Amino acid sequence: MTQTIDFKTIQNTLGKISPVSIQTAIELIPSTQVKIFKKNTLIESSGQHIRYQFVVMNGIIRKFLTNAKGEEFTTDFFATNQAITPAILRSVDFISFVNLEVITSKAEMMLFSNQEMEKTMQGNKELETFGFKVMMQDAYKRAEREKILLTATGKQKLEWFRKNYPNLENEIPHYYIASFLGMTPTSLSRLRTLKR
């Protein structure tokens, strides 16, 4: 389901990540849409040409990879008011290598045409700052998770998850969290029963 868009919605949504002016928001209207997706919808699939940049307005999106055996490995979660990994970090030559899936009952998303946003971004300091901030946040999250996966104990991994993804533990299936933290669902279940 697609909704009509106005500059205030764009300004408010992007402003929760990095401020943009009314003028910039107006310039983005032609390349922006708001859509509601149902649970389990893949809003992007591995091998698909990148068409959009995404911001989550409501709901939770899971990013995952699939190996040759069809096994899924969760690599991140994006909740309300978060921008999803920029196209440049989730693709090679603008062909996506990730899957993005709605894991709440529904998700309201702001979609920006990747091609059009790139044009609008040229010479626009606010959008350049927005893009840089999103890219740096994503790169930092990935680097920190890599460090945690390689060096932390199971207990430390769960503590890190609770700190960086508050309340998510009560909103999504625990096997996704286990995959994200590089452990089995059984191990995660054991850790969750320990006193905090």
Foldseek 3Di string as FASTA:
>chain_A
DKDQDDLVVVQVLLVLQFGDDSVLSRLQRVFKIKDKFFAFDWPADAQAADFWWKFWQAAKKWKWAADPVRDIFTADMHGHSATPADQVVQDDVRGGRIIIGGFARMTMMMIGGPVSVVVSCVVPPRVVVSVVSNNVVVVVVNVVLVCCLVDPDPLVLVVVCCVVPPPVCVGGDVCNVCSNSVHGSVVNVVSVPDDD
